[in-house]
């Protein structure tokens, strides 16, 4: 995970309404995402995730899409994108997403009772998005086989853990004194 480590250590930090936020190609799409970084991350996700009998990969829009698309292509597991736009399709389920810096409604389509899903996302920060998503998946009756996030910010409240779920992560970081500091280069924890 050398490319991921290097890219995080070089990531600029911005402040958004009192929230210290690193700007990174995986979480923000800027600076540009180089294929060698994406490849390194996708291979690690495939090795780390519990993929046995998974029916669908579920990812929130927008920054989980590139990761999940690549994992879907490599594993032949179909992909469901949880959208910020309501389409009104039959079976659509709404959820409220609350993060450290925003609040939105999101909508799940194409996940059904009994589906076995891998939840995949770019960053676990406050856990608000994933807590809302896992709650919606539970309400649908889906079986959450695994949750994987590329990067975990270790410096805040984790609503996902409060909801009773743990996410596997590839690398854990904190933002200290305007820099990204790696707290666990192997993730999890």
N, C-alpha and C. Protein backbone atom coordinates (compact mmCIF):
# COMPACT_ATOMS: atom_id res chain seq x y z
N UNK A 1 0.82 -1.18 0.00
CA UNK A 1 0.00 0.00 0.00
C UNK A 1 0.87 1.25 0.00
N UNK A 2 2.02 1.15 -0.61
CA UNK A 2 2.96 2.28 -0.63
C UNK A 2 2.41 3.49 -1.37
N UNK A 3 1.74 3.26 -2.49
CA UNK A 3 1.21 4.38 -3.27
C UNK A 3 0.11 5.11 -2.48
N UNK A 4 -0.72 4.35 -1.79
CA UNK A 4 -1.77 4.95 -0.96
C UNK A 4 -1.15 5.75 0.19
N UNK A 5 -0.17 5.16 0.86
CA UNK A 5 0.51 5.88 1.95
C UNK A 5 1.12 7.19 1.46
N UNK A 6 1.87 7.12 0.39
CA UNK A 6 2.52 8.32 -0.15
C UNK A 6 1.50 9.38 -0.54
N UNK A 7 0.42 8.96 -1.19
CA UNK A 7 -0.58 9.93 -1.64
C UNK A 7 -1.28 10.59 -0.46
N UNK A 8 -1.50 9.86 0.62
CA UNK A 8 -2.12 10.45 1.80
C UNK A 8 -1.18 11.43 2.51
N UNK A 9 0.08 11.06 2.61
CA UNK A 9 1.04 11.95 3.28
C UNK A 9 1.23 13.25 2.51
N UNK A 10 0.99 13.22 1.20
CA UNK A 10 1.11 14.42 0.36
C UNK A 10 -0.21 15.19 0.22
N UNK A 11 -1.30 14.68 0.80
CA UNK A 11 -2.63 15.27 0.61
C UNK A 11 -2.75 16.63 1.29
N UNK A 12 -3.28 17.63 0.58
CA UNK A 12 -3.53 18.93 1.22
C UNK A 12 -4.71 18.83 2.19
N UNK A 13 -4.71 19.69 3.20
CA UNK A 13 -5.78 19.73 4.20
C UNK A 13 -6.55 21.05 4.03
N UNK A 14 -7.87 20.95 4.04
CA UNK A 14 -8.70 22.16 4.03
C UNK A 14 -9.61 22.12 5.24
N UNK A 15 -10.11 23.29 5.64
CA UNK A 15 -11.07 23.35 6.73
C UNK A 15 -12.41 23.74 6.14
N UNK A 16 -13.42 22.98 6.48
CA UNK A 16 -14.77 23.22 5.97
C UNK A 16 -15.71 23.23 7.17
N UNK A 17 -16.13 24.42 7.57
CA UNK A 17 -17.03 24.58 8.71
C UNK A 17 -16.48 23.90 9.97
N UNK A 18 -15.20 24.12 10.24
CA UNK A 18 -14.57 23.58 11.44
C UNK A 18 -14.13 22.13 11.32
N UNK A 19 -14.36 21.53 10.20
CA UNK A 19 -14.01 20.12 9.97
C UNK A 19 -12.73 20.07 9.13
N UNK A 20 -11.70 19.41 9.62
CA UNK A 20 -10.45 19.29 8.88
C UNK A 20 -10.54 18.09 7.93
N UNK A 21 -10.34 18.39 6.67
CA UNK A 21 -10.66 17.47 5.60
C UNK A 21 -9.45 17.34 4.68
N UNK A 22 -8.99 16.12 4.43
CA UNK A 22 -7.89 15.95 3.48
C UNK A 22 -8.47 15.81 2.07
N UNK A 23 -7.78 16.38 1.10
CA UNK A 23 -8.20 16.32 -0.29
C UNK A 23 -7.37 15.25 -0.97
N UNK A 24 -8.05 14.22 -1.49
CA UNK A 24 -7.35 13.04 -2.00
C UNK A 24 -8.09 12.48 -3.21
N UNK A 25 -7.36 11.90 -4.17
CA UNK A 25 -8.03 11.38 -5.37
C UNK A 25 -9.08 10.31 -5.08
N UNK A 26 -8.91 9.51 -4.03
CA UNK A 26 -9.89 8.47 -3.71
C UNK A 26 -11.16 9.07 -3.13
N UNK A 27 -11.02 10.08 -2.29
CA UNK A 27 -12.18 10.65 -1.61
C UNK A 27 -12.77 11.86 -2.31
N UNK A 28 -12.02 12.50 -3.20
CA UNK A 28 -12.49 13.75 -3.80
C UNK A 28 -12.35 13.82 -5.32
N UNK A 29 -11.58 12.94 -5.90
CA UNK A 29 -11.37 12.98 -7.34
C UNK A 29 -10.33 14.00 -7.77
N UNK A 30 -9.73 14.69 -6.82
CA UNK A 30 -8.62 15.61 -7.08
C UNK A 30 -7.56 15.41 -6.01
N UNK A 31 -6.30 15.54 -6.32
CA UNK A 31 -5.81 15.59 -7.69
C UNK A 31 -6.19 14.31 -8.44
N UNK A 32 -5.89 14.29 -9.73
CA UNK A 32 -6.36 13.17 -10.56
C UNK A 32 -5.95 11.82 -9.97
N UNK A 33 -6.80 10.84 -10.20
CA UNK A 33 -6.58 9.48 -9.72
C UNK A 33 -5.74 8.72 -10.74
N UNK A 34 -4.58 8.33 -10.32
CA UNK A 34 -3.68 7.58 -11.20
C UNK A 34 -4.04 6.09 -11.18
N UNK A 35 -3.97 5.42 -12.32
CA UNK A 35 -4.39 4.02 -12.38
C UNK A 35 -3.60 3.11 -11.45
N UNK A 36 -2.32 3.40 -11.24
CA UNK A 36 -1.53 2.53 -10.37
C UNK A 36 -2.01 2.61 -8.91
N UNK A 37 -2.50 3.78 -8.48
CA UNK A 37 -3.06 3.91 -7.13
C UNK A 37 -4.38 3.16 -7.04
N UNK A 38 -5.26 3.35 -8.02
CA UNK A 38 -6.54 2.64 -8.03
C UNK A 38 -6.33 1.13 -8.07
N UNK A 39 -5.41 0.67 -8.90
CA UNK A 39 -5.12 -0.77 -9.01
C UNK A 39 -4.65 -1.34 -7.67
N UNK A 40 -3.73 -0.64 -7.00
CA UNK A 40 -3.22 -1.09 -5.70
C UNK A 40 -4.37 -1.23 -4.70
N UNK A 41 -5.25 -0.24 -4.67
CA UNK A 41 -6.37 -0.24 -3.73
C UNK A 41 -7.36 -1.35 -4.05
N UNK A 42 -7.72 -1.51 -5.31
CA UNK A 42 -8.70 -2.52 -5.70
C UNK A 42 -8.20 -3.94 -5.39
N UNK A 43 -6.96 -4.20 -5.66
CA UNK A 43 -6.39 -5.52 -5.34
C UNK A 43 -6.47 -5.78 -3.84
N UNK A 44 -6.15 -4.77 -3.05
CA UNK A 44 -6.21 -4.93 -1.59
C UNK A 44 -7.64 -5.13 -1.11
N UNK A 45 -8.59 -4.41 -1.69
CA UNK A 45 -10.00 -4.60 -1.32
C UNK A 45 -10.44 -6.03 -1.61
N UNK A 46 -10.10 -6.53 -2.78
CA UNK A 46 -10.50 -7.88 -3.16
C UNK A 46 -9.88 -8.92 -2.23
N UNK A 47 -8.66 -8.69 -1.81
CA UNK A 47 -8.00 -9.62 -0.88
C UNK A 47 -8.58 -9.54 0.53
N UNK A 48 -9.04 -8.36 0.93
CA UNK A 48 -9.48 -8.15 2.30
C UNK A 48 -10.97 -8.42 2.50
N UNK A 49 -11.79 -8.19 1.51
CA UNK A 49 -13.23 -8.31 1.64
C UNK A 49 -13.68 -9.76 1.67
N UNK A 50 -14.77 -9.98 2.38
CA UNK A 50 -15.43 -11.29 2.39
C UNK A 50 -16.36 -11.32 1.18
N UNK A 51 -15.96 -12.03 0.13
CA UNK A 51 -16.70 -12.01 -1.14
C UNK A 51 -17.49 -13.28 -1.42
N UNK A 52 -17.34 -14.29 -0.57
CA UNK A 52 -18.05 -15.55 -0.80
C UNK A 52 -19.55 -15.32 -0.83
N UNK A 53 -20.17 -15.72 -1.90
CA UNK A 53 -21.63 -15.68 -2.06
C UNK A 53 -22.22 -14.27 -2.01
N UNK A 54 -21.41 -13.25 -2.25
CA UNK A 54 -21.94 -11.88 -2.32
C UNK A 54 -22.71 -11.73 -3.63
N UNK A 55 -23.94 -11.21 -3.52
CA UNK A 55 -24.80 -11.00 -4.69
C UNK A 55 -24.59 -9.64 -5.33
N UNK A 56 -24.29 -8.62 -4.49
CA UNK A 56 -24.20 -7.25 -4.99
C UNK A 56 -23.19 -6.45 -4.17
N UNK A 57 -22.53 -5.54 -4.85
CA UNK A 57 -21.72 -4.52 -4.18
C UNK A 57 -22.60 -3.29 -4.07
N UNK A 58 -22.66 -2.70 -2.88
CA UNK A 58 -23.47 -1.50 -2.66
C UNK A 58 -22.53 -0.38 -2.25
N UNK A 59 -22.63 0.76 -2.95
CA UNK A 59 -21.77 1.90 -2.64
C UNK A 59 -22.55 3.19 -2.71
N UNK A 60 -22.24 4.11 -1.78
CA UNK A 60 -22.88 5.43 -1.87
C UNK A 60 -22.23 6.28 -2.96
N UNK A 61 -23.06 7.09 -3.65
CA UNK A 61 -22.53 8.05 -4.62
C UNK A 61 -21.85 9.16 -3.83
N UNK A 62 -20.87 9.78 -4.31
CA UNK A 62 -20.31 9.61 -5.62
C UNK A 62 -18.93 8.95 -5.54
N UNK A 63 -18.23 9.15 -4.45
CA UNK A 63 -16.82 8.75 -4.45
C UNK A 63 -16.58 7.26 -4.23
N UNK A 64 -17.60 6.48 -3.98
CA UNK A 64 -17.41 5.05 -3.94
C UNK A 64 -17.55 4.40 -5.31
N UNK A 65 -18.03 5.17 -6.29
CA UNK A 65 -18.36 4.59 -7.59
C UNK A 65 -17.12 4.06 -8.31
N UNK A 66 -16.07 4.83 -8.38
CA UNK A 66 -14.88 4.39 -9.12
C UNK A 66 -14.27 3.14 -8.49
N UNK A 67 -14.22 3.07 -7.17
CA UNK A 67 -13.68 1.89 -6.48
C UNK A 67 -14.56 0.68 -6.74
N UNK A 68 -15.85 0.86 -6.54
CA UNK A 68 -16.79 -0.25 -6.67
C UNK A 68 -16.90 -0.74 -8.10
N UNK A 69 -16.80 0.16 -9.06
CA UNK A 69 -16.82 -0.25 -10.46
C UNK A 69 -15.63 -1.15 -10.77
N UNK A 70 -14.46 -0.74 -10.31
CA UNK A 70 -13.26 -1.55 -10.55
C UNK A 70 -13.37 -2.91 -9.85
N UNK A 71 -13.87 -2.94 -8.62
CA UNK A 71 -14.03 -4.21 -7.91
C UNK A 71 -15.07 -5.07 -8.62
N UNK A 72 -16.15 -4.48 -9.09
CA UNK A 72 -17.17 -5.22 -9.82
C UNK A 72 -16.59 -5.84 -11.09
N UNK A 73 -15.81 -5.07 -11.82
CA UNK A 73 -15.19 -5.59 -13.04
C UNK A 73 -14.25 -6.77 -12.75
N UNK A 74 -13.54 -6.70 -11.64
CA UNK A 74 -12.58 -7.75 -11.29
C UNK A 74 -13.23 -9.00 -10.71
N UNK A 75 -14.43 -8.86 -10.12
CA UNK A 75 -15.06 -9.98 -9.43
C UNK A 75 -16.34 -10.48 -10.10
N UNK A 76 -16.83 -9.75 -11.09
CA UNK A 76 -18.12 -10.05 -11.74
C UNK A 76 -19.31 -9.99 -10.79
N UNK A 77 -19.19 -9.21 -9.72
CA UNK A 77 -20.31 -8.98 -8.80
C UNK A 77 -21.01 -7.70 -9.23
N UNK A 78 -22.33 -7.73 -9.46
CA UNK A 78 -23.05 -6.53 -9.87
C UNK A 78 -22.94 -5.40 -8.85
N UNK A 79 -23.11 -4.18 -9.34
CA UNK A 79 -22.92 -2.98 -8.53
C UNK A 79 -24.23 -2.20 -8.41
N UNK A 80 -24.54 -1.79 -7.18
CA UNK A 80 -25.68 -0.92 -6.89
C UNK A 80 -25.13 0.38 -6.33
N UNK A 81 -25.48 1.51 -6.95
CA UNK A 81 -25.05 2.82 -6.47
C UNK A 81 -26.22 3.45 -5.72
N UNK A 82 -25.97 3.82 -4.46
CA UNK A 82 -26.97 4.53 -3.65
C UNK A 82 -26.88 6.00 -4.06
N UNK A 83 -27.98 6.53 -4.57
CA UNK A 83 -27.98 7.84 -5.23
C UNK A 83 -28.54 8.94 -4.34
N UNK A 84 -28.16 10.16 -4.65
CA UNK A 84 -28.71 11.33 -3.96
C UNK A 84 -29.97 11.85 -4.67
N UNK A 85 -30.35 11.20 -5.73
CA UNK A 85 -31.53 11.59 -6.50
C UNK A 85 -32.61 10.52 -6.35
N UNK A 86 -33.83 10.98 -6.12
CA UNK A 86 -34.97 10.07 -6.03
C UNK A 86 -35.51 9.83 -7.44
N UNK A 87 -35.72 8.56 -7.77
CA UNK A 87 -36.27 8.21 -9.07
C UNK A 87 -37.72 7.74 -8.97
N UNK A 88 -38.14 7.35 -7.78
CA UNK A 88 -39.51 6.90 -7.60
C UNK A 88 -39.79 5.52 -8.17
N UNK A 89 -38.74 4.73 -8.36
CA UNK A 89 -38.92 3.38 -8.87
C UNK A 89 -39.49 2.47 -7.79
N UNK A 90 -40.15 1.42 -8.22
CA UNK A 90 -40.72 0.46 -7.28
C UNK A 90 -39.62 -0.12 -6.40
N UNK A 91 -39.85 -0.16 -5.10
CA UNK A 91 -38.90 -0.73 -4.16
C UNK A 91 -37.82 0.25 -3.69
N UNK A 92 -37.85 1.48 -4.17
CA UNK A 92 -36.85 2.47 -3.76
C UNK A 92 -36.99 2.77 -2.26
N UNK A 93 -35.85 2.82 -1.57
CA UNK A 93 -35.84 3.07 -0.13
C UNK A 93 -35.02 4.33 0.14
N UNK A 94 -35.58 5.27 0.91
CA UNK A 94 -34.89 6.51 1.25
C UNK A 94 -34.13 6.35 2.56
N UNK A 95 -33.02 7.07 2.67
CA UNK A 95 -32.27 7.13 3.92
C UNK A 95 -31.71 8.53 4.08
N UNK A 96 -31.49 8.94 5.33
CA UNK A 96 -30.90 10.25 5.62
C UNK A 96 -29.43 10.06 5.93
N UNK A 97 -28.60 10.75 5.17
CA UNK A 97 -27.16 10.68 5.32
C UNK A 97 -26.70 11.92 6.07
N UNK A 98 -26.04 11.73 7.23
CA UNK A 98 -25.51 12.84 8.00
C UNK A 98 -24.03 12.58 8.23
N UNK A 99 -23.19 13.48 7.71
CA UNK A 99 -21.75 13.34 7.89
C UNK A 99 -21.25 14.49 8.75
N UNK A 100 -19.94 14.59 8.90
CA UNK A 100 -19.36 15.67 9.68
C UNK A 100 -19.53 17.03 9.04
N UNK A 101 -19.90 17.05 7.76
CA UNK A 101 -19.96 18.32 7.05
C UNK A 101 -21.16 18.49 6.14
N UNK A 102 -22.08 17.51 6.10
CA UNK A 102 -23.26 17.67 5.25
C UNK A 102 -24.40 16.77 5.71
N UNK A 103 -25.57 17.04 5.15
CA UNK A 103 -26.75 16.23 5.42
C UNK A 103 -27.54 16.11 4.12
N UNK A 104 -27.88 14.88 3.72
CA UNK A 104 -28.57 14.64 2.45
C UNK A 104 -29.53 13.47 2.58
N UNK A 105 -30.46 13.42 1.66
CA UNK A 105 -31.28 12.23 1.48
C UNK A 105 -30.62 11.39 0.40
N UNK A 106 -30.63 10.08 0.58
CA UNK A 106 -30.11 9.16 -0.43
C UNK A 106 -31.16 8.08 -0.66
N UNK A 107 -31.01 7.38 -1.80
CA UNK A 107 -32.03 6.42 -2.21
C UNK A 107 -31.39 5.12 -2.70
N UNK A 108 -31.92 4.00 -2.20
CA UNK A 108 -31.43 2.67 -2.56
C UNK A 108 -32.43 2.04 -3.52
N UNK A 109 -31.93 1.55 -4.64
CA UNK A 109 -32.73 0.78 -5.59
C UNK A 109 -32.03 -0.55 -5.84
N UNK A 110 -32.78 -1.54 -6.25
CA UNK A 110 -32.22 -2.83 -6.70
C UNK A 110 -31.56 -3.66 -5.60
N UNK A 111 -31.90 -3.43 -4.36
CA UNK A 111 -31.48 -4.32 -3.27
C UNK A 111 -32.75 -4.86 -2.65
N UNK A 112 -32.80 -6.19 -2.45
CA UNK A 112 -34.02 -6.85 -2.02
C UNK A 112 -33.78 -7.75 -0.82
N UNK A 113 -34.85 -8.12 -0.18
CA UNK A 113 -34.82 -9.04 0.96
C UNK A 113 -34.04 -10.29 0.57
N UNK A 114 -33.06 -10.64 1.39
CA UNK A 114 -32.26 -11.83 1.15
C UNK A 114 -31.00 -11.61 0.33
N UNK A 115 -30.84 -10.44 -0.30
CA UNK A 115 -29.60 -10.16 -1.03
C UNK A 115 -28.42 -10.13 -0.07
N UNK A 116 -27.33 -10.73 -0.50
CA UNK A 116 -26.09 -10.72 0.28
C UNK A 116 -25.20 -9.63 -0.33
N UNK A 117 -24.84 -8.62 0.47
CA UNK A 117 -24.17 -7.45 -0.08
C UNK A 117 -22.82 -7.17 0.59
N UNK A 118 -21.93 -6.63 -0.22
CA UNK A 118 -20.68 -6.03 0.24
C UNK A 118 -20.90 -4.53 0.16
N UNK A 119 -20.74 -3.82 1.27
CA UNK A 119 -20.82 -2.36 1.27
C UNK A 119 -19.39 -1.85 1.12
N UNK A 120 -19.21 -0.97 0.15
CA UNK A 120 -17.87 -0.48 -0.17
C UNK A 120 -17.91 1.04 -0.27
N UNK A 121 -16.96 1.71 0.41
CA UNK A 121 -16.91 3.17 0.39
C UNK A 121 -15.47 3.66 0.43
N UNK A 122 -15.29 4.93 0.14
CA UNK A 122 -13.95 5.51 0.09
C UNK A 122 -13.39 5.82 1.47
N UNK A 123 -14.14 6.56 2.30
CA UNK A 123 -13.64 7.02 3.59
C UNK A 123 -14.66 6.75 4.68
N UNK A 124 -14.19 6.26 5.81
CA UNK A 124 -14.99 6.16 7.03
C UNK A 124 -14.50 7.29 7.93
N UNK A 125 -15.33 8.32 8.05
CA UNK A 125 -14.95 9.48 8.86
C UNK A 125 -15.81 9.51 10.11
N UNK A 126 -17.01 10.02 10.00
CA UNK A 126 -17.92 10.02 11.14
C UNK A 126 -18.78 8.76 11.19
N UNK A 127 -18.85 8.04 10.07
CA UNK A 127 -19.67 6.84 9.98
C UNK A 127 -21.14 7.13 9.70
N UNK A 128 -21.49 8.41 9.52
CA UNK A 128 -22.88 8.77 9.31
C UNK A 128 -23.50 8.17 8.07
N UNK A 129 -22.79 8.24 6.96
CA UNK A 129 -23.31 7.69 5.71
C UNK A 129 -23.50 6.18 5.84
N UNK A 130 -22.50 5.50 6.33
CA UNK A 130 -22.58 4.03 6.41
C UNK A 130 -23.58 3.56 7.46
N UNK A 131 -23.73 4.30 8.56
CA UNK A 131 -24.74 3.93 9.56
C UNK A 131 -26.14 4.02 8.94
N UNK A 132 -26.39 5.10 8.20
CA UNK A 132 -27.69 5.24 7.53
C UNK A 132 -27.89 4.16 6.49
N UNK A 133 -26.85 3.87 5.73
CA UNK A 133 -26.95 2.86 4.68
C UNK A 133 -27.17 1.47 5.27
N UNK A 134 -26.44 1.09 6.30
CA UNK A 134 -26.64 -0.23 6.89
C UNK A 134 -28.04 -0.35 7.49
N UNK A 135 -28.55 0.74 8.08
CA UNK A 135 -29.92 0.73 8.60
C UNK A 135 -30.94 0.49 7.50
N UNK A 136 -30.75 1.16 6.36
CA UNK A 136 -31.67 0.97 5.22
C UNK A 136 -31.57 -0.46 4.69
N UNK A 137 -30.35 -0.99 4.59
CA UNK A 137 -30.17 -2.36 4.10
C UNK A 137 -30.82 -3.37 5.05
N UNK A 138 -30.71 -3.13 6.37
CA UNK A 138 -31.39 -3.98 7.35
C UNK A 138 -32.90 -3.93 7.14
N UNK A 139 -33.44 -2.72 6.95
CA UNK A 139 -34.89 -2.56 6.75
C UNK A 139 -35.36 -3.31 5.51
N UNK A 140 -34.52 -3.33 4.48
CA UNK A 140 -34.85 -4.04 3.25
C UNK A 140 -34.84 -5.55 3.48
N UNK A 141 -33.97 -5.99 4.40
CA UNK A 141 -33.81 -7.42 4.65
C UNK A 141 -32.58 -8.00 4.00
N UNK A 142 -31.68 -7.13 3.55
CA UNK A 142 -30.43 -7.60 2.95
C UNK A 142 -29.49 -8.11 4.03
N UNK A 143 -28.64 -9.04 3.66
CA UNK A 143 -27.60 -9.59 4.54
C UNK A 143 -26.29 -8.86 4.23
N UNK A 144 -25.78 -8.10 5.17
CA UNK A 144 -24.53 -7.36 4.97
C UNK A 144 -23.38 -8.31 5.29
N UNK A 145 -22.72 -8.80 4.23
CA UNK A 145 -21.64 -9.78 4.39
C UNK A 145 -20.36 -9.12 4.88
N UNK A 146 -20.11 -7.89 4.44
CA UNK A 146 -18.89 -7.20 4.81
C UNK A 146 -19.02 -5.72 4.47
N UNK A 147 -18.23 -4.92 5.15
CA UNK A 147 -18.15 -3.49 4.89
C UNK A 147 -16.66 -3.16 4.78
N UNK A 148 -16.28 -2.54 3.67
CA UNK A 148 -14.88 -2.18 3.46
C UNK A 148 -14.80 -0.71 3.06
N UNK A 149 -13.91 0.02 3.73
CA UNK A 149 -13.61 1.41 3.39
C UNK A 149 -12.11 1.51 3.15
N UNK A 150 -11.72 2.30 2.19
CA UNK A 150 -10.31 2.43 1.89
C UNK A 150 -9.59 3.11 3.05
N UNK A 151 -10.09 4.27 3.47
CA UNK A 151 -9.41 5.10 4.46
C UNK A 151 -10.33 5.31 5.66
N UNK A 152 -9.78 5.19 6.86
CA UNK A 152 -10.53 5.51 8.08
C UNK A 152 -9.85 6.69 8.76
N UNK A 153 -10.67 7.72 9.06
CA UNK A 153 -10.18 8.83 9.88
C UNK A 153 -10.40 8.43 11.33
N UNK A 154 -9.32 8.32 12.09
CA UNK A 154 -9.38 7.83 13.47
C UNK A 154 -9.66 8.90 14.51
N UNK A 155 -10.10 10.06 14.11
CA UNK A 155 -10.17 11.16 15.07
C UNK A 155 -11.57 11.63 15.41
N UNK A 156 -12.53 10.76 15.33
CA UNK A 156 -13.88 11.23 15.61
C UNK A 156 -14.81 10.13 16.04
N UNK A 157 -16.03 10.53 16.26
CA UNK A 157 -17.11 9.64 16.63
C UNK A 157 -17.40 8.72 15.44
N UNK A 158 -17.69 7.46 15.70
CA UNK A 158 -17.96 6.51 14.63
C UNK A 158 -19.39 5.99 14.76
N UNK A 159 -20.30 6.61 14.01
CA UNK A 159 -21.71 6.23 14.05
C UNK A 159 -21.94 4.82 13.51
N UNK A 160 -21.05 4.33 12.66
CA UNK A 160 -21.19 2.97 12.15
C UNK A 160 -21.00 1.96 13.28
N UNK A 161 -19.99 2.17 14.12
CA UNK A 161 -19.76 1.29 15.28
C UNK A 161 -20.94 1.37 16.24
N UNK A 162 -21.48 2.57 16.43
CA UNK A 162 -22.65 2.73 17.30
C UNK A 162 -23.85 1.97 16.75
N UNK A 163 -23.91 1.81 15.42
CA UNK A 163 -24.99 1.06 14.78
C UNK A 163 -24.75 -0.45 14.83
N UNK A 164 -23.61 -0.85 15.40
CA UNK A 164 -23.33 -2.28 15.57
C UNK A 164 -22.52 -2.93 14.46
N UNK A 165 -21.87 -2.12 13.64
CA UNK A 165 -21.08 -2.66 12.54
C UNK A 165 -19.63 -2.19 12.62
N UNK A 166 -18.75 -3.06 12.16
CA UNK A 166 -17.35 -2.71 11.99
C UNK A 166 -17.04 -2.72 10.50
N UNK A 167 -16.17 -1.81 10.10
CA UNK A 167 -15.72 -1.79 8.70
C UNK A 167 -14.27 -2.21 8.65
N UNK A 168 -13.95 -3.01 7.67
CA UNK A 168 -12.54 -3.28 7.37
C UNK A 168 -12.01 -2.05 6.64
N UNK A 169 -10.79 -1.65 6.95
CA UNK A 169 -10.19 -0.50 6.27
C UNK A 169 -8.81 -0.89 5.77
N UNK A 170 -8.34 -0.16 4.76
CA UNK A 170 -7.02 -0.44 4.21
C UNK A 170 -5.93 0.35 4.91
N UNK A 171 -6.28 1.55 5.40
CA UNK A 171 -5.31 2.40 6.09
C UNK A 171 -6.09 3.34 7.01
N UNK A 172 -5.53 3.65 8.17
CA UNK A 172 -6.16 4.56 9.12
C UNK A 172 -5.29 5.79 9.30
N UNK A 173 -5.93 6.95 9.39
CA UNK A 173 -5.20 8.21 9.49
C UNK A 173 -5.88 9.16 10.47
N UNK A 174 -5.15 10.19 10.87
CA UNK A 174 -5.70 11.35 11.56
C UNK A 174 -5.12 12.58 10.88
N UNK A 175 -5.79 13.70 11.08
CA UNK A 175 -5.27 14.98 10.62
C UNK A 175 -4.79 15.72 11.86
N UNK A 176 -3.49 15.99 11.91
CA UNK A 176 -2.89 16.69 13.04
C UNK A 176 -2.02 17.83 12.54
N UNK A 177 -2.24 19.01 13.09
CA UNK A 177 -1.42 20.17 12.76
C UNK A 177 -1.28 20.38 11.26
N UNK A 178 -2.38 20.19 10.53
CA UNK A 178 -2.38 20.44 9.10
C UNK A 178 -1.75 19.37 8.24
N UNK A 179 -1.52 18.18 8.80
CA UNK A 179 -0.93 17.08 8.05
C UNK A 179 -1.71 15.79 8.28
N UNK A 180 -1.68 14.91 7.30
CA UNK A 180 -2.21 13.57 7.47
C UNK A 180 -1.14 12.73 8.16
N UNK A 181 -1.55 12.05 9.24
CA UNK A 181 -0.65 11.17 9.98
C UNK A 181 -1.25 9.77 9.91
N UNK A 182 -0.46 8.80 9.49
CA UNK A 182 -0.92 7.41 9.39
C UNK A 182 -0.86 6.79 10.78
N UNK A 183 -2.02 6.29 11.26
CA UNK A 183 -2.08 5.67 12.57
C UNK A 183 -2.01 4.15 12.49
N UNK A 184 -2.40 3.59 11.35
CA UNK A 184 -2.28 2.15 11.14
C UNK A 184 -2.19 1.91 9.63
N UNK A 185 -1.03 1.53 9.16
CA UNK A 185 -0.84 1.36 7.72
C UNK A 185 -1.50 0.09 7.19
N UNK A 186 -2.03 -0.75 8.07
CA UNK A 186 -2.74 -1.96 7.65
C UNK A 186 -4.25 -1.84 7.82
N UNK A 187 -4.71 -0.71 8.33
CA UNK A 187 -6.14 -0.48 8.48
C UNK A 187 -6.76 -1.22 9.63
N UNK A 188 -8.09 -1.31 9.57
CA UNK A 188 -8.94 -1.91 10.61
C UNK A 188 -8.71 -1.23 11.96
N UNK A 189 -9.06 -1.90 13.01
CA UNK A 189 -8.82 -1.38 14.35
C UNK A 189 -9.66 -0.24 14.79
